[in-house]
Amino acid sequence: MATITWNISQLDCRPQENDNTNVVFTVHWQCNGVDGSHNANIYSTCSVPAPTGEFTPFADLTKEQVLNWIWVNGVNKDAIEVAVELQIENLKNPPAVSPALPWV
């Protein structure tokens, strides 16, 4: 079983929106998996809607908060983690190989 970690690599922001500054609209994320010497990852982006209600200033955002945004805005956490696990399994037990030609 791989150790799975989620990371945020970048937040794209609008400098000013309504009375708020640095309003996040796109999250760049990665899901990484490590199992021994094998590792795999998926990188993508997710758009998030403009904030409604309480606004968290950019400096006060947490990784957990931003990850929750992507998971409620279309990133299927479980499916991504299964895909990373499958990448690792395919590295450990390749479904296809290309051996050297026997006449070379």
PDB file of N, CA and C in Angstrom:
ATOM      1  N   MET A   1       0.851  -1.179   0.000  1.00  0.00           N
ATOM      2  CA  MET A   1       0.000   0.000   0.000  1.00  0.00           C
ATOM      3  C   MET A   1       0.891   1.235   0.000  1.00  0.00           C
ATOM      4  N   ALA A   2       0.613   2.145  -0.877  1.00  0.00           N
ATOM      5  CA  ALA A   2       1.414   3.363  -1.003  1.00  0.00           C
ATOM      6  C   ALA A   2       1.048   4.374   0.074  1.00  0.00           C
ATOM      7  N   THR A   3       2.016   5.202   0.409  1.00  0.00           N
ATOM      8  CA  THR A   3       1.760   6.358   1.254  1.00  0.00           C
ATOM      9  C   THR A   3       1.362   7.495   0.328  1.00  0.00           C
ATOM     10  N   ILE A   4       0.168   8.019   0.534  1.00  0.00           N
ATOM     11  CA  ILE A   4      -0.384   9.060  -0.327  1.00  0.00           C
ATOM     12  C   ILE A   4      -0.296  10.406   0.377  1.00  0.00           C
ATOM     13  N   THR A   5       0.185  11.412  -0.357  1.00  0.00           N
ATOM     14  CA  THR A   5       0.186  12.783   0.164  1.00  0.00           C
ATOM     15  C   THR A   5      -0.371  13.724  -0.898  1.00  0.00           C
ATOM     16  N   TRP A   6      -1.079  14.710  -0.434  1.00  0.00           N
ATOM     17  CA  TRP A   6      -1.645  15.742  -1.297  1.00  0.00           C
ATOM     18  C   TRP A   6      -0.901  17.043  -1.037  1.00  0.00           C
ATOM     19  N   ASN A   7      -0.612  17.779  -2.121  1.00  0.00           N
ATOM     20  CA  ASN A   7       0.083  19.050  -1.997  1.00  0.00           C
ATOM     21  C   ASN A   7      -0.553  20.099  -2.892  1.00  0.00           C
ATOM     22  N   ILE A   8      -0.391  21.319  -2.492  1.00  0.00           N
ATOM     23  CA  ILE A   8      -0.795  22.464  -3.298  1.00  0.00           C
ATOM     24  C   ILE A   8       0.495  23.129  -3.758  1.00  0.00           C
ATOM     25  N   SER A   9       0.664  23.288  -5.071  1.00  0.00           N
ATOM     26  CA  SER A   9       1.901  23.872  -5.576  1.00  0.00           C
ATOM     27  C   SER A   9       1.759  25.338  -5.959  1.00  0.00           C
ATOM     28  N   GLN A  10       0.529  25.775  -6.221  1.00  0.00           N
ATOM     29  CA  GLN A  10       0.340  27.167  -6.619  1.00  0.00           C
ATOM     30  C   GLN A  10      -1.120  27.542  -6.481  1.00  0.00           C
ATOM     31  N   LEU A  11      -1.356  28.809  -6.176  1.00  0.00           N
ATOM     32  CA  LEU A  11      -2.709  29.368  -6.144  1.00  0.00           C
ATOM     33  C   LEU A  11      -2.732  30.578  -7.064  1.00  0.00           C
ATOM     34  N   ASP A  12      -3.615  30.551  -8.057  1.00  0.00           N
ATOM     35  CA  ASP A  12      -3.803  31.709  -8.929  1.00  0.00           C
ATOM     36  C   ASP A  12      -4.883  32.577  -8.307  1.00  0.00           C
ATOM     37  N   CYS A  13      -4.603  33.877  -8.211  1.00  0.00           N
ATOM     38  CA  CYS A  13      -5.508  34.791  -7.510  1.00  0.00           C
ATOM     39  C   CYS A  13      -5.852  36.002  -8.367  1.00  0.00           C
ATOM     40  N   ARG A  14      -7.007  36.537  -8.115  1.00  0.00           N
ATOM     41  CA  ARG A  14      -7.369  37.859  -8.631  1.00  0.00           C
ATOM     42  C   ARG A  14      -6.867  38.866  -7.594  1.00  0.00           C
ATOM     43  N   PRO A  15      -6.111  39.872  -8.027  1.00  0.00           N
ATOM     44  CA  PRO A  15      -5.553  40.822  -7.067  1.00  0.00           C
ATOM     45  C   PRO A  15      -6.625  41.526  -6.232  1.00  0.00           C
ATOM     46  N   GLN A  16      -7.764  41.818  -6.866  1.00  0.00           N
ATOM     47  CA  GLN A  16      -8.843  42.518  -6.165  1.00  0.00           C
ATOM     48  C   GLN A  16     -10.178  42.005  -6.689  1.00  0.00           C
ATOM     49  N   GLU A  17     -11.046  41.647  -5.785  1.00  0.00           N
ATOM     50  CA  GLU A  17     -12.404  41.235  -6.165  1.00  0.00           C
ATOM     51  C   GLU A  17     -13.326  41.683  -5.054  1.00  0.00           C
ATOM     52  N   ASN A  18     -14.281  42.546  -5.422  1.00  0.00           N
ATOM     53  CA  ASN A  18     -15.147  43.189  -4.440  1.00  0.00           C
ATOM     54  C   ASN A  18     -14.257  43.902  -3.419  1.00  0.00           C
ATOM     55  N   ASP A  19     -14.382  43.626  -2.168  1.00  0.00           N
ATOM     56  CA  ASP A  19     -13.544  44.271  -1.150  1.00  0.00           C
ATOM     57  C   ASP A  19     -12.401  43.370  -0.695  1.00  0.00           C
ATOM     58  N   ASN A  20     -12.143  42.300  -1.417  1.00  0.00           N
ATOM     59  CA  ASN A  20     -11.135  41.309  -1.008  1.00  0.00           C
ATOM     60  C   ASN A  20      -9.910  41.371  -1.920  1.00  0.00           C
ATOM     61  N   THR A  21      -8.755  41.023  -1.356  1.00  0.00           N
ATOM     62  CA  THR A  21      -7.522  40.963  -2.147  1.00  0.00           C
ATOM     63  C   THR A  21      -7.027  39.524  -2.217  1.00  0.00           C
ATOM     64  N   ASN A  22      -6.301  39.246  -3.306  1.00  0.00           N
ATOM     65  CA  ASN A  22      -5.744  37.912  -3.545  1.00  0.00           C
ATOM     66  C   ASN A  22      -6.801  36.828  -3.382  1.00  0.00           C
ATOM     67  N   VAL A  23      -7.797  36.896  -4.245  1.00  0.00           N
ATOM     68  CA  VAL A  23      -8.914  35.950  -4.215  1.00  0.00           C
ATOM     69  C   VAL A  23      -8.579  34.761  -5.119  1.00  0.00           C
ATOM     70  N   VAL A  24      -8.469  33.604  -4.525  1.00  0.00           N
ATOM     71  CA  VAL A  24      -8.081  32.384  -5.258  1.00  0.00           C
ATOM     72  C   VAL A  24      -9.181  31.998  -6.251  1.00  0.00           C
ATOM     73  N   PHE A  25      -8.747  31.696  -7.497  1.00  0.00           N
ATOM     74  CA  PHE A  25      -9.701  31.185  -8.489  1.00  0.00           C
ATOM     75  C   PHE A  25      -9.243  29.872  -9.117  1.00  0.00           C
ATOM     76  N   THR A  26      -7.942  29.543  -9.030  1.00  0.00           N
ATOM     77  CA  THR A  26      -7.442  28.269  -9.536  1.00  0.00           C
ATOM     78  C   THR A  26      -6.421  27.697  -8.553  1.00  0.00           C
ATOM     79  N   VAL A  27      -6.571  26.412  -8.268  1.00  0.00           N
ATOM     80  CA  VAL A  27      -5.664  25.702  -7.377  1.00  0.00           C
ATOM     81  C   VAL A  27      -4.883  24.681  -8.207  1.00  0.00           C
ATOM     82  N   HIS A  28      -3.566  24.710  -8.100  1.00  0.00           N
ATOM     83  CA  HIS A  28      -2.693  23.718  -8.737  1.00  0.00           C
ATOM     84  C   HIS A  28      -2.367  22.681  -7.657  1.00  0.00           C
ATOM     85  N   TRP A  29      -2.716  21.427  -7.906  1.00  0.00           N
ATOM     86  CA  TRP A  29      -2.571  20.395  -6.880  1.00  0.00           C
ATOM     87  C   TRP A  29      -1.821  19.182  -7.417  1.00  0.00           C
ATOM     88  N   GLN A  30      -1.297  18.404  -6.466  1.00  0.00           N
ATOM     89  CA  GLN A  30      -0.622  17.147  -6.771  1.00  0.00           C
ATOM     90  C   GLN A  30      -1.046  16.102  -5.755  1.00  0.00           C
ATOM     91  N   CYS A  31      -1.201  14.885  -6.242  1.00  0.00           N
ATOM     92  CA  CYS A  31      -1.391  13.733  -5.364  1.00  0.00           C
ATOM     93  C   CYS A  31      -0.207  12.815  -5.631  1.00  0.00           C
ATOM     94  N   ASN A  32       0.582  12.568  -4.586  1.00  0.00           N
ATOM     95  CA  ASN A  32       1.797  11.765  -4.712  1.00  0.00           C
ATOM     96  C   ASN A  32       1.644  10.454  -3.937  1.00  0.00           C
ATOM     97  N   GLY A  33       2.216   9.403  -4.493  1.00  0.00           N
ATOM     98  CA  GLY A  33       2.215   8.115  -3.814  1.00  0.00           C
ATOM     99  C   GLY A  33       3.609   7.522  -3.813  1.00  0.00           C
ATOM    100  N   VAL A  34       3.985   6.916  -2.690  1.00  0.00           N
ATOM    101  CA  VAL A  34       5.290   6.269  -2.565  1.00  0.00           C
ATOM    102  C   VAL A  34       5.082   4.895  -1.948  1.00  0.00           C
ATOM    103  N   ASP A  35       5.677   3.887  -2.562  1.00  0.00           N
ATOM    104  CA  ASP A  35       5.660   2.527  -2.028  1.00  0.00           C
ATOM    105  C   ASP A  35       7.052   1.962  -2.244  1.00  0.00           C
ATOM    106  N   GLY A  36       7.868   1.998  -1.201  1.00  0.00           N
ATOM    107  CA  GLY A  36       9.252   1.551  -1.331  1.00  0.00           C
ATOM    108  C   GLY A  36      10.002   2.448  -2.290  1.00  0.00           C
ATOM    109  N   SER A  37      10.573   1.858  -3.328  1.00  0.00           N
ATOM    110  CA  SER A  37      11.328   2.640  -4.304  1.00  0.00           C
ATOM    111  C   SER A  37      10.461   3.109  -5.474  1.00  0.00           C
ATOM    112  N   HIS A  38       9.183   2.830  -5.424  1.00  0.00           N
ATOM    113  CA  HIS A  38       8.275   3.221  -6.499  1.00  0.00           C
ATOM    114  C   HIS A  38       7.475   4.450  -6.086  1.00  0.00           C
ATOM    115  N   ASN A  39       7.376   5.395  -7.027  1.00  0.00           N
ATOM    116  CA  ASN A  39       6.540   6.559  -6.740  1.00  0.00           C
ATOM    117  C   ASN A  39       5.812   6.994  -7.995  1.00  0.00           C
ATOM    118  N   ALA A  40       4.687   7.647  -7.770  1.00  0.00           N
ATOM    119  CA  ALA A  40       3.850   8.118  -8.862  1.00  0.00           C
ATOM    120  C   ALA A  40       3.131   9.369  -8.390  1.00  0.00           C
ATOM    121  N   ASN A  41       2.662  10.158  -9.362  1.00  0.00           N
ATOM    122  CA  ASN A  41       1.895  11.331  -8.973  1.00  0.00           C
ATOM    123  C   ASN A  41       0.955  11.751 -10.079  1.00  0.00           C
ATOM    124  N   ILE A  42      -0.027  12.498  -9.681  1.00  0.00           N
ATOM    125  CA  ILE A  42      -0.965  13.134 -10.595  1.00  0.00           C
ATOM    126  C   ILE A  42      -0.962  14.612 -10.252  1.00  0.00           C
ATOM    127  N   TYR A  43      -0.850  15.437 -11.274  1.00  0.00           N
ATOM    128  CA  TYR A  43      -0.851  16.891 -11.114  1.00  0.00           C
ATOM    129  C   TYR A  43      -1.981  17.452 -11.961  1.00  0.00           C
ATOM    130  N   SER A  44      -2.709  18.402 -11.412  1.00  0.00           N
ATOM    131  CA  SER A  44      -3.754  19.041 -12.195  1.00  0.00           C
ATOM    132  C   SER A  44      -4.119  20.376 -11.550  1.00  0.00           C
ATOM    133  N   THR A  45      -5.127  20.991 -12.091  1.00  0.00           N
ATOM    134  CA  THR A  45      -5.643  22.240 -11.537  1.00  0.00           C
ATOM    135  C   THR A  45      -7.132  22.095 -11.308  1.00  0.00           C
ATOM    136  N   CYS A  46      -7.657  22.979 -10.478  1.00  0.00           N
ATOM    137  CA  CYS A  46      -9.087  22.995 -10.197  1.00  0.00           C
ATOM    138  C   CYS A  46      -9.526  24.443 -10.030  1.00  0.00           C
ATOM    139  N   SER A  47     -10.557  24.808 -10.746  1.00  0.00           N
ATOM    140  CA  SER A  47     -11.139  26.135 -10.569  1.00  0.00           C
ATOM    141  C   SER A  47     -12.027  26.125  -9.345  1.00  0.00           C
ATOM    142  N   VAL A  48     -11.994  27.213  -8.613  1.00  0.00           N
ATOM    143  CA  VAL A  48     -12.869  27.351  -7.449  1.00  0.00           C
ATOM    144  C   VAL A  48     -13.710  28.608  -7.630  1.00  0.00           C
ATOM    145  N   PRO A  49     -14.955  28.560  -7.182  1.00  0.00           N
ATOM    146  CA  PRO A  49     -15.833  29.714  -7.369  1.00  0.00           C
ATOM    147  C   PRO A  49     -15.430  30.879  -6.466  1.00  0.00           C
ATOM    148  N   ALA A  50     -15.910  32.048  -6.842  1.00  0.00           N
ATOM    149  CA  ALA A  50     -15.685  33.231  -6.012  1.00  0.00           C
ATOM    150  C   ALA A  50     -16.284  32.983  -4.629  1.00  0.00           C
ATOM    151  N   PRO A  51     -15.639  33.505  -3.602  1.00  0.00           N
ATOM    152  CA  PRO A  51     -16.133  33.266  -2.247  1.00  0.00           C
ATOM    153  C   PRO A  51     -17.491  33.906  -2.004  1.00  0.00           C
ATOM    154  N   THR A  52     -18.284  33.204  -1.233  1.00  0.00           N
ATOM    155  CA  THR A  52     -19.559  33.750  -0.763  1.00  0.00           C
ATOM    156  C   THR A  52     -19.538  33.632   0.754  1.00  0.00           C
ATOM    157  N   GLY A  53     -20.150  34.555   1.415  1.00  0.00           N
ATOM    158  CA  GLY A  53     -20.136  34.505   2.876  1.00  0.00           C
ATOM    159  C   GLY A  53     -18.805  34.952   3.421  1.00  0.00           C
ATOM    160  N   GLU A  54     -18.316  34.233   4.414  1.00  0.00           N
ATOM    161  CA  GLU A  54     -17.070  34.611   5.084  1.00  0.00           C
ATOM    162  C   GLU A  54     -15.872  34.402   4.169  1.00  0.00           C
ATOM    163  N   PHE A  55     -15.004  35.406   4.103  1.00  0.00           N
ATOM    164  CA  PHE A  55     -13.801  35.360   3.273  1.00  0.00           C
ATOM    165  C   PHE A  55     -12.584  35.144   4.169  1.00  0.00           C
ATOM    166  N   THR A  56     -11.747  34.171   3.798  1.00  0.00           N
ATOM    167  CA  THR A  56     -10.501  33.935   4.526  1.00  0.00           C
ATOM    168  C   THR A  56      -9.387  34.684   3.807  1.00  0.00           C
ATOM    169  N   PRO A  57      -8.714  35.612   4.469  1.00  0.00           N
ATOM    170  CA  PRO A  57      -7.598  36.313   3.824  1.00  0.00           C
ATOM    171  C   PRO A  57      -6.535  35.325   3.353  1.00  0.00           C
ATOM    172  N   PHE A  58      -5.882  35.651   2.252  1.00  0.00           N
ATOM    173  CA  PHE A  58      -4.887  34.771   1.655  1.00  0.00           C
ATOM    174  C   PHE A  58      -3.857  34.297   2.682  1.00  0.00           C
ATOM    175  N   ALA A  59      -3.346  35.200   3.490  1.00  0.00           N
ATOM    176  CA  ALA A  59      -2.310  34.853   4.471  1.00  0.00           C
ATOM    177  C   ALA A  59      -2.800  33.866   5.523  1.00  0.00           C
ATOM    178  N   ASP A  60      -4.114  33.732   5.672  1.00  0.00           N
ATOM    179  CA  ASP A  60      -4.679  32.838   6.689  1.00  0.00           C
ATOM    180  C   ASP A  60      -5.143  31.493   6.128  1.00  0.00           C
ATOM    181  N   LEU A  61      -5.015  31.295   4.814  1.00  0.00           N
ATOM    182  CA  LEU A  61      -5.428  30.020   4.223  1.00  0.00           C
ATOM    183  C   LEU A  61      -4.554  28.887   4.741  1.00  0.00           C
ATOM    184  N   THR A  62      -5.155  27.705   4.854  1.00  0.00           N
ATOM    185  CA  THR A  62      -4.403  26.516   5.219  1.00  0.00           C
ATOM    186  C   THR A  62      -4.453  25.517   4.070  1.00  0.00           C
ATOM    187  N   LYS A  63      -3.483  24.638   4.045  1.00  0.00           N
ATOM    188  CA  LYS A  63      -3.451  23.583   3.033  1.00  0.00           C
ATOM    189  C   LYS A  63      -4.727  22.753   3.093  1.00  0.00           C
ATOM    190  N   GLU A  64      -5.164  22.408   4.295  1.00  0.00           N
ATOM    191  CA  GLU A  64      -6.369  21.590   4.460  1.00  0.00           C
ATOM    192  C   GLU A  64      -7.604  22.298   3.902  1.00  0.00           C
ATOM    193  N   GLN A  65      -7.697  23.592   4.139  1.00  0.00           N
ATOM    194  CA  GLN A  65      -8.840  24.357   3.638  1.00  0.00           C
ATOM    195  C   GLN A  65      -8.858  24.343   2.109  1.00  0.00           C
ATOM    196  N   VAL A  66      -7.719  24.582   1.504  1.00  0.00           N
ATOM    197  CA  VAL A  66      -7.654  24.627   0.045  1.00  0.00           C
ATOM    198  C   VAL A  66      -7.900  23.237  -0.550  1.00  0.00           C
ATOM    199  N   LEU A  67      -7.368  22.184   0.081  1.00  0.00           N
ATOM    200  CA  LEU A  67      -7.664  20.832  -0.399  1.00  0.00           C
ATOM    201  C   LEU A  67      -9.157  20.555  -0.348  1.00  0.00           C
ATOM    202  N   ASN A  68      -9.815  20.973   0.707  1.00  0.00           N
ATOM    203  CA  ASN A  68     -11.270  20.789   0.787  1.00  0.00           C
ATOM    204  C   ASN A  68     -11.988  21.516  -0.337  1.00  0.00           C
ATOM    205  N   TRP A  69     -11.491  22.681  -0.725  1.00  0.00           N
ATOM    206  CA  TRP A  69     -12.099  23.399  -1.849  1.00  0.00           C
ATOM    207  C   TRP A  69     -12.070  22.549  -3.112  1.00  0.00           C
ATOM    208  N   ILE A  70     -10.907  21.921  -3.401  1.00  0.00           N
ATOM    209  CA  ILE A  70     -10.833  21.169  -4.653  1.00  0.00           C
ATOM    210  C   ILE A  70     -11.711  19.928  -4.595  1.00  0.00           C
ATOM    211  N   TRP A  71     -11.787  19.305  -3.413  1.00  0.00           N
ATOM    212  CA  TRP A  71     -12.585  18.087  -3.293  1.00  0.00           C
ATOM    213  C   TRP A  71     -14.076  18.375  -3.414  1.00  0.00           C
ATOM    214  N   VAL A  72     -14.531  19.551  -3.067  1.00  0.00           N
ATOM    215  CA  VAL A  72     -15.954  19.870  -3.240  1.00  0.00           C
ATOM    216  C   VAL A  72     -16.228  20.527  -4.590  1.00  0.00           C
ATOM    217  N   ASN A  73     -15.166  20.768  -5.369  1.00  0.00           N
ATOM    218  CA  ASN A  73     -15.330  21.407  -6.670  1.00  0.00           C
ATOM    219  C   ASN A  73     -14.874  20.526  -7.823  1.00  0.00           C
ATOM    220  N   GLY A  74     -15.052  19.223  -7.677  1.00  0.00           N
ATOM    221  CA  GLY A  74     -14.872  18.330  -8.814  1.00  0.00           C
ATOM    222  C   GLY A  74     -13.703  17.374  -8.778  1.00  0.00           C
ATOM    223  N   VAL A  75     -12.770  17.517  -7.855  1.00  0.00           N
ATOM    224  CA  VAL A  75     -11.650  16.574  -7.777  1.00  0.00           C
ATOM    225  C   VAL A  75     -12.083  15.414  -6.888  1.00  0.00           C
ATOM    226  N   ASN A  76     -12.161  14.228  -7.486  1.00  0.00           N
ATOM    227  CA  ASN A  76     -12.601  13.037  -6.762  1.00  0.00           C
ATOM    228  C   ASN A  76     -11.399  12.442  -6.025  1.00  0.00           C
ATOM    229  N   LYS A  77     -11.286  12.748  -4.749  1.00  0.00           N
ATOM    230  CA  LYS A  77     -10.143  12.338  -3.931  1.00  0.00           C
ATOM    231  C   LYS A  77      -9.900  10.832  -4.006  1.00  0.00           C
ATOM    232  N   ASP A  78     -10.940  10.045  -3.814  1.00  0.00           N
ATOM    233  CA  ASP A  78     -10.784   8.591  -3.802  1.00  0.00           C
ATOM    234  C   ASP A  78     -10.325   8.070  -5.154  1.00  0.00           C
ATOM    235  N   ALA A  79     -10.908   8.571  -6.245  1.00  0.00           N
ATOM    236  CA  ALA A  79     -10.541   8.105  -7.584  1.00  0.00           C
ATOM    237  C   ALA A  79      -9.097   8.475  -7.919  1.00  0.00           C
ATOM    238  N   ILE A  80      -8.667   9.665  -7.522  1.00  0.00           N
ATOM    239  CA  ILE A  80      -7.281  10.084  -7.774  1.00  0.00           C
ATOM    240  C   ILE A  80      -6.321   9.182  -7.011  1.00  0.00           C
ATOM    241  N   GLU A  81      -6.620   8.900  -5.761  1.00  0.00           N
ATOM    242  CA  GLU A  81      -5.743   8.041  -4.961  1.00  0.00           C
ATOM    243  C   GLU A  81      -5.670   6.635  -5.538  1.00  0.00           C
ATOM    244  N   VAL A  82      -6.786   6.106  -6.032  1.00  0.00           N
ATOM    245  CA  VAL A  82      -6.786   4.783  -6.675  1.00  0.00           C
ATOM    246  C   VAL A  82      -5.923   4.827  -7.935  1.00  0.00           C
ATOM    247  N   ALA A  83      -5.999   5.906  -8.704  1.00  0.00           N
ATOM    248  CA  ALA A  83      -5.192   6.031  -9.924  1.00  0.00           C
ATOM    249  C   ALA A  83      -3.703   6.075  -9.600  1.00  0.00           C
ATOM    250  N   VAL A  84      -3.328   6.757  -8.539  1.00  0.00           N
ATOM    251  CA  VAL A  84      -1.914   6.797  -8.124  1.00  0.00           C
ATOM    252  C   VAL A  84      -1.463   5.407  -7.693  1.00  0.00           C
ATOM    253  N   GLU A  85      -2.300   4.717  -6.925  1.00  0.00           N
ATOM    254  CA  GLU A  85      -1.976   3.340  -6.508  1.00  0.00           C
ATOM    255  C   GLU A  85      -1.790   2.442  -7.735  1.00  0.00           C
ATOM    256  N   LEU A  86      -2.640   2.604  -8.737  1.00  0.00           N
ATOM    257  CA  LEU A  86      -2.533   1.796  -9.957  1.00  0.00           C
ATOM    258  C   LEU A  86      -1.242   2.099 -10.706  1.00  0.00           C
ATOM    259  N   GLN A  87      -0.852   3.370 -10.767  1.00  0.00           N
ATOM    260  CA  GLN A  87       0.423   3.720 -11.397  1.00  0.00           C
ATOM    261  C   GLN A  87       1.571   2.981 -10.713  1.00  0.00           C
ATOM    262  N   ILE A  88       1.552   2.981  -9.393  1.00  0.00           N
ATOM    263  CA  ILE A  88       2.614   2.311  -8.643  1.00  0.00           C
ATOM    264  C   ILE A  88       2.575   0.806  -8.880  1.00  0.00           C
ATOM    265  N   GLU A  89       1.394   0.224  -8.863  1.00  0.00           N
ATOM    266  CA  GLU A  89       1.269  -1.216  -9.108  1.00  0.00           C
ATOM    267  C   GLU A  89       1.802  -1.571 -10.494  1.00  0.00           C
ATOM    268  N   ASN A  90       1.536  -0.711 -11.492  1.00  0.00           N
ATOM    269  CA  ASN A  90       2.031  -0.958 -12.845  1.00  0.00           C
ATOM    270  C   ASN A  90       3.546  -0.803 -12.933  1.00  0.00           C
ATOM    271  N   LEU A  91       4.124   0.020 -12.075  1.00  0.00           N
ATOM    272  CA  LEU A  91       5.583   0.105 -12.022  1.00  0.00           C
ATOM    273  C   LEU A  91       6.174  -1.161 -11.404  1.00  0.00           C
ATOM    274  N   LYS A  92       5.519  -1.673 -10.376  1.00  0.00           N
ATOM    275  CA  LYS A  92       5.992  -2.876  -9.695  1.00  0.00           C
ATOM    276  C   LYS A  92       5.783  -4.125 -10.539  1.00  0.00           C
ATOM    277  N   ASN A  93       4.675  -4.182 -11.231  1.00  0.00           N
ATOM    278  CA  ASN A  93       4.306  -5.338 -12.060  1.00  0.00           C
ATOM    279  C   ASN A  93       3.814  -4.823 -13.410  1.00  0.00           C
ATOM    280  N   PRO A  94       4.733  -4.495 -14.308  1.00  0.00           N
ATOM    281  CA  PRO A  94       4.334  -3.892 -15.590  1.00  0.00           C
ATOM    282  C   PRO A  94       3.338  -4.759 -16.356  1.00  0.00           C
ATOM    283  N   PRO A  95       2.255  -4.156 -16.880  1.00  0.00           N
ATOM    284  CA  PRO A  95       1.273  -4.918 -17.646  1.00  0.00           C
ATOM    285  C   PRO A  95       1.788  -5.262 -19.042  1.00  0.00           C
ATOM    286  N   ALA A  96       2.847  -4.597 -19.487  1.00  0.00           N
ATOM    287  CA  ALA A  96       3.458  -4.897 -20.790  1.00  0.00           C
ATOM    288  C   ALA A  96       4.958  -4.620 -20.665  1.00  0.00           C
ATOM    289  N   VAL A  97       5.742  -5.407 -21.383  1.00  0.00           N
ATOM    290  CA  VAL A  97       7.182  -5.228 -21.394  1.00  0.00           C
ATOM    291  C   VAL A  97       7.681  -5.272 -22.831  1.00  0.00           C
ATOM    292  N   SER A  98       8.867  -4.777 -23.057  1.00  0.00           N
ATOM    293  CA  SER A  98       9.507  -4.790 -24.401  1.00  0.00           C
ATOM    294  C   SER A  98      10.904  -5.368 -24.260  1.00  0.00           C
ATOM    295  N   PRO A  99      11.000  -6.711 -24.194  1.00  0.00           N
ATOM    296  CA  PRO A  99      12.336  -7.317 -24.068  1.00  0.00           C
ATOM    297  C   PRO A  99      13.172  -7.049 -25.316  1.00  0.00           C
ATOM    298  N   ALA A 100      14.483  -7.173 -25.146  1.00  0.00           N
ATOM    299  CA  ALA A 100      15.380  -7.018 -26.273  1.00  0.00           C
ATOM    300  C   ALA A 100      15.085  -8.067 -27.343  1.00  0.00           C
ATOM    301  N   LEU A 101      15.263  -7.701 -28.579  1.00  0.00           N
ATOM    302  CA  LEU A 101      15.022  -8.649 -29.661  1.00  0.00           C
ATOM    303  C   LEU A 101      15.997  -9.825 -29.537  1.00  0.00           C
ATOM    304  N   PRO A 102      15.504 -11.061 -29.713  1.00  0.00           N
ATOM    305  CA  PRO A 102      16.356 -12.234 -29.493  1.00  0.00           C
ATOM    306  C   PRO A 102      17.490 -12.348 -30.502  1.00  0.00           C
ATOM    307  N   TRP A 103      17.418 -11.735 -31.647  1.00  0.00           N
ATOM    308  CA  TRP A 103      18.461 -11.866 -32.657  1.00  0.00           C
ATOM    309  C   TRP A 103      19.502 -10.741 -32.609  1.00  0.00           C
ATOM    310  N   VAL A 104      19.335  -9.840 -31.620  1.00  0.00           N
ATOM    311  CA  VAL A 104      20.310  -8.745 -31.522  1.00  0.00           C
ATOM    312  C   VAL A 104      21.452  -9.165 -30.619  1.00  0.00           C
TER     313      VAL A 104
END
